[in-house]
Amino acid sequence: MSILHSTEHMGVGEPEPYPPDGETPIVRARDICKTYRAHGVEVPALVDVSLVVARGEMVAVMGPSGCGKTTLLNCLAGLDTVDCGTVEVNGTDLAALSDARRTDFRAQTMGFVFQSFNLLPVLSAVENVELPLLVLRMKPHEARARAREMLATVGLSNRERNRPAEMSGGQRQRVAIARALVTDPAIVWADEPTGNLDSEAAGDIMNLFTELNRTRGQTLVLVTHAAEIGARADRIIRMRDGRIVSASGGPRQVAPQS
């Protein structure tokens, strides 16, 4: 992919540039809306949001607190449902799946990295990483071997027996990344993945994300408020008040559909 198009100050509901040559995007959202309701009050979180993510992209979603970044990620990943519009991931319409099938689809297709790591404190690093494979009913010895491979990929071969409390924040996030990647997902969602880390550890994690994106072709969508993190992505999608207000492209910006 090359620098073929860049979009700024997009209109409401206008889709992101579509992948070239008829390539099916890994994510396609059309006119999605989400409103939260509590105690008779309605709070619109997403308003007519449309976008696509091409395979192999690393995309950063940025904007001020409360602008809808995490809600967008949750809706795109099927962790939350939309009130209107459609979300397709890897060619599958999430709304067409039952709750159980959507859970299975996430387990098979997606990886997740969160600010708070979400590791099980009683399990070692290798046990945390192998857990998604065991959920998918992989044989235990195969799951353990695969988990060890992924810990080696993220530079933690010497920490596989350590529990989360025995590791630094950066190391715990590397374990979380290994866990997200162990099922070979089509896409990894990362919500403020460096939010609990100091600047050095944050830089290390972004170096790892960049390496995984470049060497493995891993598609990544990162929610972040940090400009230095967003600058490492191929594209930055900026949000405000539940809307996409701009999308600027980096060296792998994709072209609009002809």
C-alpha atoms as a PDB file:
ATOM      1  CA  MET A   1       0.000   0.000   0.000  1.00  0.00           C
ATOM      2  CA  SER A   2       1.206   3.509  -0.759  1.00  0.00           C
ATOM      3  CA  ILE A   3       0.298   7.093  -0.033  1.00  0.00           C
ATOM      4  CA  LEU A   4      -2.671   7.349  -2.345  1.00  0.00           C
ATOM      5  CA  HIS A   5      -5.197   9.304  -0.383  1.00  0.00           C
ATOM      6  CA  SER A   6      -5.599  11.291   2.796  1.00  0.00           C
ATOM      7  CA  THR A   7      -8.875  12.452   4.283  1.00  0.00           C
ATOM      8  CA  GLU A   8      -9.319  15.479   6.524  1.00  0.00           C
ATOM      9  CA  HIS A   9     -12.439  16.976   8.096  1.00  0.00           C
ATOM     10  CA  MET A  10     -14.685  14.153   6.953  1.00  0.00           C
ATOM     11  CA  GLY A  11     -18.418  14.623   6.758  1.00  0.00           C
ATOM     12  CA  VAL A  12     -20.653  12.830   9.254  1.00  0.00           C
ATOM     13  CA  GLY A  13     -21.193   9.231   8.195  1.00  0.00           C
ATOM     14  CA  GLU A  14     -18.672   9.423   5.347  1.00  0.00           C
ATOM     15  CA  PRO A  15     -16.757   6.138   5.132  1.00  0.00           C
ATOM     16  CA  GLU A  16     -13.021   5.885   5.476  1.00  0.00           C
ATOM     17  CA  PRO A  17     -11.040   5.273   2.260  1.00  0.00           C
ATOM     18  CA  TYR A  18     -11.748   1.755   1.031  1.00  0.00           C
ATOM     19  CA  PRO A  19      -8.935  -0.764   0.443  1.00  0.00           C
ATOM     20  CA  PRO A  20      -7.663  -0.781  -3.148  1.00  0.00           C
ATOM     21  CA  ASP A  21      -8.099  -3.430  -5.827  1.00  0.00           C
ATOM     22  CA  GLY A  22     -11.354  -4.763  -4.404  1.00  0.00           C
ATOM     23  CA  GLU A  23      -9.636  -6.114  -1.290  1.00  0.00           C
ATOM     24  CA  THR A  24     -12.089  -7.007   1.459  1.00  0.00           C
ATOM     25  CA  PRO A  25     -11.305  -4.939   4.570  1.00  0.00           C
ATOM     26  CA  ILE A  26     -10.833  -6.604   7.918  1.00  0.00           C
ATOM     27  CA  VAL A  27     -13.310  -4.119   9.452  1.00  0.00           C
ATOM     28  CA  ARG A  28     -16.152  -2.261   7.786  1.00  0.00           C
ATOM     29  CA  ALA A  29     -18.596  -0.151   9.796  1.00  0.00           C
ATOM     30  CA  ARG A  30     -21.452   1.773   8.212  1.00  0.00           C
ATOM     31  CA  ASP A  31     -23.444   4.536   9.899  1.00  0.00           C
ATOM     32  CA  ILE A  32     -23.204   3.049  13.381  1.00  0.00           C
ATOM     33  CA  CYS A  33     -24.866   4.755  16.333  1.00  0.00           C
ATOM     34  CA  LYS A  34     -24.793   4.050  20.052  1.00  0.00           C
ATOM     35  CA  THR A  35     -26.755   5.808  22.788  1.00  0.00           C
ATOM     36  CA  TYR A  36     -26.515   5.061  26.498  1.00  0.00           C
ATOM     37  CA  ARG A  37     -29.676   5.464  28.566  1.00  0.00           C
ATOM     38  CA  ALA A  38     -29.846   5.767  32.337  1.00  0.00           C
ATOM     39  CA  HIS A  39     -32.427   7.294  34.671  1.00  0.00           C
ATOM     40  CA  GLY A  40     -34.362   8.767  31.776  1.00  0.00           C
ATOM     41  CA  VAL A  41     -31.309  10.488  30.292  1.00  0.00           C
ATOM     42  CA  GLU A  42     -29.961   9.660  26.836  1.00  0.00           C
ATOM     43  CA  VAL A  43     -26.269  10.184  26.079  1.00  0.00           C
ATOM     44  CA  PRO A  44     -25.245   9.663  22.444  1.00  0.00           C
ATOM     45  CA  ALA A  45     -21.836   7.977  22.357  1.00  0.00           C
ATOM     46  CA  LEU A  46     -21.518   7.314  18.611  1.00  0.00           C
ATOM     47  CA  VAL A  47     -23.257   9.278  15.868  1.00  0.00           C
ATOM     48  CA  ASP A  48     -23.343   7.938  12.280  1.00  0.00           C
ATOM     49  CA  VAL A  49     -19.777   6.578  12.326  1.00  0.00           C
ATOM     50  CA  SER A  50     -18.487   4.868   9.180  1.00  0.00           C
ATOM     51  CA  LEU A  51     -14.974   3.523   8.634  1.00  0.00           C
ATOM     52  CA  VAL A  52     -12.937   0.678   7.220  1.00  0.00           C
ATOM     53  CA  VAL A  53      -9.680  -0.886   8.343  1.00  0.00           C
ATOM     54  CA  ALA A  54      -7.558  -2.623   5.734  1.00  0.00           C
ATOM     55  CA  ARG A  55      -5.739  -5.844   6.465  1.00  0.00           C
ATOM     56  CA  GLY A  56      -2.277  -5.256   7.866  1.00  0.00           C
ATOM     57  CA  GLU A  57      -2.928  -1.677   8.974  1.00  0.00           C
ATOM     58  CA  MET A  58      -2.052  -0.203  12.334  1.00  0.00           C
ATOM     59  CA  VAL A  59      -4.694   2.420  13.088  1.00  0.00           C
ATOM     60  CA  ALA A  60      -4.823   4.788  16.070  1.00  0.00           C
ATOM     61  CA  VAL A  61      -8.161   6.173  17.290  1.00  0.00           C
ATOM     62  CA  MET A  62      -7.618   9.443  19.129  1.00  0.00           C
ATOM     63  CA  GLY A  63      -9.623  12.224  20.721  1.00  0.00           C
ATOM     64  CA  PRO A  64     -10.443  13.827  24.081  1.00  0.00           C
ATOM     65  CA  SER A  65     -11.825  11.870  27.018  1.00  0.00           C
ATOM     66  CA  GLY A  66     -15.479  10.988  26.532  1.00  0.00           C
ATOM     67  CA  CYS A  67     -15.419  11.405  22.758  1.00  0.00           C
ATOM     68  CA  GLY A  68     -16.438   7.794  22.071  1.00  0.00           C
ATOM     69  CA  LYS A  69     -13.089   6.088  21.402  1.00  0.00           C
ATOM     70  CA  THR A  70     -13.567   3.104  23.694  1.00  0.00           C
ATOM     71  CA  THR A  71     -17.250   2.812  22.774  1.00  0.00           C
ATOM     72  CA  LEU A  72     -16.227   2.631  19.118  1.00  0.00           C
ATOM     73  CA  LEU A  73     -13.684  -0.102  19.843  1.00  0.00           C
ATOM     74  CA  ASN A  74     -16.209  -2.077  21.897  1.00  0.00           C
ATOM     75  CA  CYS A  75     -18.830  -1.848  19.148  1.00  0.00           C
ATOM     76  CA  LEU A  76     -16.391  -2.787  16.386  1.00  0.00           C
ATOM     77  CA  ALA A  77     -15.225  -5.784  18.422  1.00  0.00           C
ATOM     78  CA  GLY A  78     -18.733  -6.944  19.269  1.00  0.00           C
ATOM     79  CA  LEU A  79     -18.270  -6.388  22.986  1.00  0.00           C
ATOM     80  CA  ASP A  80     -21.208  -3.993  22.780  1.00  0.00           C
ATOM     81  CA  THR A  81     -24.100  -3.815  20.339  1.00  0.00           C
ATOM     82  CA  VAL A  82     -24.913  -0.865  18.112  1.00  0.00           C
ATOM     83  CA  ASP A  83     -28.314   0.839  17.977  1.00  0.00           C
ATOM     84  CA  CYS A  84     -28.147   1.359  14.230  1.00  0.00           C
ATOM     85  CA  GLY A  85     -25.819   0.648  11.339  1.00  0.00           C
ATOM     86  CA  THR A  86     -23.726  -2.439  10.604  1.00  0.00           C
ATOM     87  CA  VAL A  87     -20.337  -3.779  11.672  1.00  0.00           C
ATOM     88  CA  GLU A  88     -18.535  -6.446   9.663  1.00  0.00           C
ATOM     89  CA  VAL A  89     -15.299  -8.065  10.865  1.00  0.00           C
ATOM     90  CA  ASN A  90     -13.433 -10.396   8.533  1.00  0.00           C
ATOM     91  CA  GLY A  91     -16.511 -10.466   6.305  1.00  0.00           C
ATOM     92  CA  THR A  92     -18.936 -11.427   9.097  1.00  0.00           C
ATOM     93  CA  ASP A  93     -21.859  -9.216  10.125  1.00  0.00           C
ATOM     94  CA  LEU A  94     -21.676  -9.188  13.922  1.00  0.00           C
ATOM     95  CA  ALA A  95     -25.393  -8.453  14.303  1.00  0.00           C
ATOM     96  CA  ALA A  96     -26.225 -11.671  12.443  1.00  0.00           C
ATOM     97  CA  LEU A  97     -24.560 -13.774  15.153  1.00  0.00           C
ATOM     98  CA  SER A  98     -26.178 -15.018  18.341  1.00  0.00           C
ATOM     99  CA  ASP A  99     -24.530 -13.994  21.611  1.00  0.00           C
ATOM    100  CA  ALA A 100     -22.860 -17.404  21.926  1.00  0.00           C
ATOM    101  CA  ARG A 101     -21.664 -17.435  18.322  1.00  0.00           C
ATOM    102  CA  ARG A 102     -20.387 -13.873  18.632  1.00  0.00           C
ATOM    103  CA  THR A 103     -18.371 -14.900  21.702  1.00  0.00           C
ATOM    104  CA  ASP A 104     -16.881 -17.816  19.759  1.00  0.00           C
ATOM    105  CA  PHE A 105     -16.165 -15.546  16.806  1.00  0.00           C
ATOM    106  CA  ARG A 106     -14.254 -13.108  19.018  1.00  0.00           C
ATOM    107  CA  ALA A 107     -12.225 -15.933  20.533  1.00  0.00           C
ATOM    108  CA  GLN A 108     -11.279 -17.266  17.111  1.00  0.00           C
ATOM    109  CA  THR A 109     -10.784 -13.991  15.236  1.00  0.00           C
ATOM    110  CA  MET A 110      -9.758 -11.244  17.672  1.00  0.00           C
ATOM    111  CA  GLY A 111      -7.163 -10.488  20.302  1.00  0.00           C
ATOM    112  CA  PHE A 112      -7.506  -7.873  23.036  1.00  0.00           C
ATOM    113  CA  VAL A 113      -4.971  -5.770  24.957  1.00  0.00           C
ATOM    114  CA  PHE A 114      -6.196  -3.521  27.775  1.00  0.00           C
ATOM    115  CA  GLN A 115      -4.680  -0.740  29.855  1.00  0.00           C
ATOM    116  CA  SER A 116      -5.085  -2.783  33.047  1.00  0.00           C
ATOM    117  CA  PHE A 117      -3.487  -5.924  31.504  1.00  0.00           C
ATOM    118  CA  ASN A 118      -6.387  -8.175  32.666  1.00  0.00           C
ATOM    119  CA  LEU A 119      -4.059 -11.043  33.601  1.00  0.00           C
ATOM    120  CA  LEU A 120      -5.166 -13.670  36.099  1.00  0.00           C
ATOM    121  CA  PRO A 121      -2.979 -13.074  39.164  1.00  0.00           C
ATOM    122  CA  VAL A 122      -2.888 -16.709  40.292  1.00  0.00           C
ATOM    123  CA  LEU A 123      -1.553 -17.950  36.956  1.00  0.00           C
ATOM    124  CA  SER A 124       1.999 -17.779  35.645  1.00  0.00           C
ATOM    125  CA  ALA A 125       2.838 -15.918  32.442  1.00  0.00           C
ATOM    126  CA  VAL A 126       2.745 -19.070  30.317  1.00  0.00           C
ATOM    127  CA  GLU A 127      -0.537 -20.158  31.931  1.00  0.00           C
ATOM    128  CA  ASN A 128      -2.110 -16.773  31.178  1.00  0.00           C
ATOM    129  CA  VAL A 129      -0.976 -16.951  27.562  1.00  0.00           C
ATOM    130  CA  GLU A 130      -2.152 -20.516  26.946  1.00  0.00           C
ATOM    131  CA  LEU A 131      -5.608 -19.894  28.431  1.00  0.00           C
ATOM    132  CA  PRO A 132      -7.306 -18.722  25.171  1.00  0.00           C
ATOM    133  CA  LEU A 133      -6.074 -21.868  23.431  1.00  0.00           C
ATOM    134  CA  LEU A 134      -7.458 -24.098  26.157  1.00  0.00           C
ATOM    135  CA  VAL A 135     -10.797 -22.293  25.837  1.00  0.00           C
ATOM    136  CA  LEU A 136     -10.673 -23.199  22.138  1.00  0.00           C
ATOM    137  CA  ARG A 137     -10.078 -26.829  23.197  1.00  0.00           C
ATOM    138  CA  MET A 138      -6.504 -27.151  21.988  1.00  0.00           C
ATOM    139  CA  LYS A 139      -4.649 -30.076  23.548  1.00  0.00           C
ATOM    140  CA  PRO A 140      -2.828 -28.898  26.706  1.00  0.00           C
ATOM    141  CA  HIS A 141       0.659 -29.837  25.543  1.00  0.00           C
ATOM    142  CA  GLU A 142       0.112 -28.058  22.222  1.00  0.00           C
ATOM    143  CA  ALA A 143      -1.273 -24.983  23.993  1.00  0.00           C
ATOM    144  CA  ARG A 144       1.740 -24.879  26.312  1.00  0.00           C
ATOM    145  CA  ALA A 145       4.179 -25.125  23.406  1.00  0.00           C
ATOM    146  CA  ARG A 146       2.387 -22.361  21.507  1.00  0.00           C
ATOM    147  CA  ALA A 147       2.294 -20.134  24.604  1.00  0.00           C
ATOM    148  CA  ARG A 148       6.031 -20.540  25.064  1.00  0.00           C
ATOM    149  CA  GLU A 149       6.598 -19.596  21.427  1.00  0.00           C
ATOM    150  CA  MET A 150       4.566 -16.419  21.871  1.00  0.00           C
ATOM    151  CA  LEU A 151       6.382 -15.454  25.071  1.00  0.00           C
ATOM    152  CA  ALA A 152       9.625 -15.843  23.141  1.00  0.00           C
ATOM    153  CA  THR A 153       8.213 -13.618  20.393  1.00  0.00           C
ATOM    154  CA  VAL A 154       7.587 -10.823  22.909  1.00  0.00           C
ATOM    155  CA  GLY A 155      10.963 -11.337  24.600  1.00  0.00           C
ATOM    156  CA  LEU A 156       9.813 -13.058  27.802  1.00  0.00           C
ATOM    157  CA  SER A 157      11.144 -16.603  27.561  1.00  0.00           C
ATOM    158  CA  ASN A 158      12.853 -16.134  30.915  1.00  0.00           C
ATOM    159  CA  ARG A 159       9.629 -15.046  32.632  1.00  0.00           C
ATOM    160  CA  GLU A 160       7.203 -17.791  31.702  1.00  0.00           C
ATOM    161  CA  ARG A 161       6.980 -19.153  35.281  1.00  0.00           C
ATOM    162  CA  ASN A 162       6.512 -15.733  36.898  1.00  0.00           C
ATOM    163  CA  ARG A 163       3.115 -14.532  38.069  1.00  0.00           C
ATOM    164  CA  PRO A 164       1.948 -10.994  37.180  1.00  0.00           C
ATOM    165  CA  ALA A 165       2.872  -9.586  40.621  1.00  0.00           C
ATOM    166  CA  GLU A 166       6.466 -10.669  40.000  1.00  0.00           C
ATOM    167  CA  MET A 167       6.787  -8.663  36.782  1.00  0.00           C
ATOM    168  CA  SER A 168       7.030  -4.993  35.841  1.00  0.00           C
ATOM    169  CA  GLY A 169       4.178  -3.180  34.118  1.00  0.00           C
ATOM    170  CA  GLY A 170       5.915  -3.409  30.767  1.00  0.00           C
ATOM    171  CA  GLN A 171       6.486  -7.131  31.195  1.00  0.00           C
ATOM    172  CA  ARG A 172       2.861  -7.683  32.163  1.00  0.00           C
ATOM    173  CA  GLN A 173       1.724  -5.849  29.065  1.00  0.00           C
ATOM    174  CA  ARG A 174       4.012  -8.038  26.955  1.00  0.00           C
ATOM    175  CA  VAL A 175       2.347 -11.092  28.495  1.00  0.00           C
ATOM    176  CA  ALA A 176      -1.038  -9.556  27.599  1.00  0.00           C
ATOM    177  CA  ILE A 177       0.151  -9.009  24.029  1.00  0.00           C
ATOM    178  CA  ALA A 178       1.387 -12.600  23.795  1.00  0.00           C
ATOM    179  CA  ARG A 179      -2.012 -13.764  25.041  1.00  0.00           C
ATOM    180  CA  ALA A 180      -3.754 -11.598  22.426  1.00  0.00           C
ATOM    181  CA  LEU A 181      -1.605 -13.044  19.633  1.00  0.00           C
ATOM    182  CA  VAL A 182      -1.504 -16.699  20.647  1.00  0.00           C
ATOM    183  CA  THR A 183      -4.646 -17.624  18.683  1.00  0.00           C
ATOM    184  CA  ASP A 184      -3.239 -15.969  15.528  1.00  0.00           C
ATOM    185  CA  PRO A 185      -6.121 -13.457  15.387  1.00  0.00           C
ATOM    186  CA  ALA A 186      -7.160 -11.567  12.295  1.00  0.00           C
ATOM    187  CA  ILE A 187      -7.163  -8.320  14.312  1.00  0.00           C
ATOM    188  CA  VAL A 188      -5.936  -7.094  17.687  1.00  0.00           C
ATOM    189  CA  TRP A 189      -7.802  -4.347  19.568  1.00  0.00           C
ATOM    190  CA  ALA A 190      -5.766  -2.360  22.103  1.00  0.00           C
ATOM    191  CA  ASP A 191      -7.471   0.094  24.478  1.00  0.00           C
ATOM    192  CA  GLU A 192      -4.918   2.542  25.940  1.00  0.00           C
ATOM    193  CA  PRO A 193      -2.264  -0.213  25.934  1.00  0.00           C
ATOM    194  CA  THR A 194       0.424   2.120  27.303  1.00  0.00           C
ATOM    195  CA  GLY A 195      -1.788   4.062  29.717  1.00  0.00           C
ATOM    196  CA  ASN A 196      -0.372   2.409  32.857  1.00  0.00           C
ATOM    197  CA  LEU A 197       3.261   2.477  31.731  1.00  0.00           C
ATOM    198  CA  ASP A 198       6.106   4.935  32.091  1.00  0.00           C
ATOM    199  CA  SER A 199       7.493   6.535  28.944  1.00  0.00           C
ATOM    200  CA  GLU A 200      10.304   4.007  28.501  1.00  0.00           C
ATOM    201  CA  ALA A 201       8.020   0.996  28.883  1.00  0.00           C
ATOM    202  CA  ALA A 202       5.433   2.648  26.622  1.00  0.00           C
ATOM    203  CA  GLY A 203       8.077   3.106  23.949  1.00  0.00           C
ATOM    204  CA  ASP A 204       9.085  -0.541  24.254  1.00  0.00           C
ATOM    205  CA  ILE A 205       5.481  -1.682  23.842  1.00  0.00           C
ATOM    206  CA  MET A 206       4.994   0.498  20.766  1.00  0.00           C
ATOM    207  CA  ASN A 207       8.240  -0.846  19.308  1.00  0.00           C
ATOM    208  CA  LEU A 208       6.817  -4.334  19.803  1.00  0.00           C
ATOM    209  CA  PHE A 209       3.489  -3.413  18.196  1.00  0.00           C
ATOM    210  CA  THR A 210       5.298  -1.876  15.234  1.00  0.00           C
ATOM    211  CA  GLU A 211       7.497  -4.946  14.813  1.00  0.00           C
ATOM    212  CA  LEU A 212       4.502  -7.284  14.953  1.00  0.00           C
ATOM    213  CA  ASN A 213       2.664  -5.149  12.421  1.00  0.00           C
ATOM    214  CA  ARG A 214       5.598  -4.989  10.009  1.00  0.00           C
ATOM    215  CA  THR A 215       6.955  -8.536  10.302  1.00  0.00           C
ATOM    216  CA  ARG A 216       3.731 -10.506  10.849  1.00  0.00           C
ATOM    217  CA  GLY A 217       1.299  -8.229   9.021  1.00  0.00           C
ATOM    218  CA  GLN A 218      -0.766  -8.068  12.198  1.00  0.00           C
ATOM    219  CA  THR A 219      -3.739  -5.711  11.945  1.00  0.00           C
ATOM    220  CA  LEU A 220      -3.914  -3.455  15.005  1.00  0.00           C
ATOM    221  CA  VAL A 221      -6.449  -0.869  16.142  1.00  0.00           C
ATOM    222  CA  LEU A 222      -5.201   1.215  19.071  1.00  0.00           C
ATOM    223  CA  VAL A 223      -7.239   3.607  21.200  1.00  0.00           C
ATOM    224  CA  THR A 224      -4.945   6.209  22.717  1.00  0.00           C
ATOM    225  CA  HIS A 225      -4.882   9.782  23.976  1.00  0.00           C
ATOM    226  CA  ALA A 226      -1.089  10.049  23.618  1.00  0.00           C
ATOM    227  CA  ALA A 227       0.123  11.891  20.521  1.00  0.00           C
ATOM    228  CA  GLU A 228       3.479  10.102  20.543  1.00  0.00           C
ATOM    229  CA  ILE A 229       1.694   6.745  20.440  1.00  0.00           C
ATOM    230  CA  GLY A 230      -0.673   7.758  17.670  1.00  0.00           C
ATOM    231  CA  ALA A 231       2.247   9.050  15.615  1.00  0.00           C
ATOM    232  CA  ARG A 232       3.550   5.486  15.311  1.00  0.00           C
ATOM    233  CA  ALA A 233       0.411   4.279  13.511  1.00  0.00           C
ATOM    234  CA  ASP A 234      -0.240   4.142   9.775  1.00  0.00           C
ATOM    235  CA  ARG A 235      -3.396   6.215  10.187  1.00  0.00           C
ATOM    236  CA  ILE A 236      -4.904   8.403  12.884  1.00  0.00           C
ATOM    237  CA  ILE A 237      -8.686   8.567  13.164  1.00  0.00           C
ATOM    238  CA  ARG A 238      -9.717  11.525  15.314  1.00  0.00           C
ATOM    239  CA  MET A 239     -13.011  11.642  17.149  1.00  0.00           C
ATOM    240  CA  ARG A 240     -14.999  14.353  18.894  1.00  0.00           C
ATOM    241  CA  ASP A 241     -18.490  14.143  20.410  1.00  0.00           C
ATOM    242  CA  GLY A 242     -19.090  10.645  19.094  1.00  0.00           C
ATOM    243  CA  ARG A 243     -18.144  11.460  15.518  1.00  0.00           C
ATOM    244  CA  ILE A 244     -15.117  10.960  13.282  1.00  0.00           C
ATOM    245  CA  VAL A 245     -13.881  14.453  12.506  1.00  0.00           C
ATOM    246  CA  SER A 246     -10.729  13.603  10.546  1.00  0.00           C
ATOM    247  CA  ALA A 247      -8.571  10.751   9.327  1.00  0.00           C
ATOM    248  CA  SER A 248      -4.970  11.407   8.388  1.00  0.00           C
ATOM    249  CA  GLY A 249      -2.836   8.802   6.681  1.00  0.00           C
ATOM    250  CA  GLY A 250       0.699   7.626   7.191  1.00  0.00           C
ATOM    251  CA  PRO A 251       2.944   5.629   4.856  1.00  0.00           C
ATOM    252  CA  ARG A 252       0.332   2.878   4.331  1.00  0.00           C
ATOM    253  CA  GLN A 253      -2.731   5.057   3.742  1.00  0.00           C
ATOM    254  CA  VAL A 254      -5.173   3.243   1.467  1.00  0.00           C
ATOM    255  CA  ALA A 255      -6.995   4.547  -1.563  1.00  0.00           C
ATOM    256  CA  PRO A 256     -10.704   5.310  -1.881  1.00  0.00           C
ATOM    257  CA  GLN A 257     -12.919   2.861  -3.701  1.00  0.00           C
ATOM    258  CA  SER A 258     -13.297   3.811  -7.335  1.00  0.00           C
END
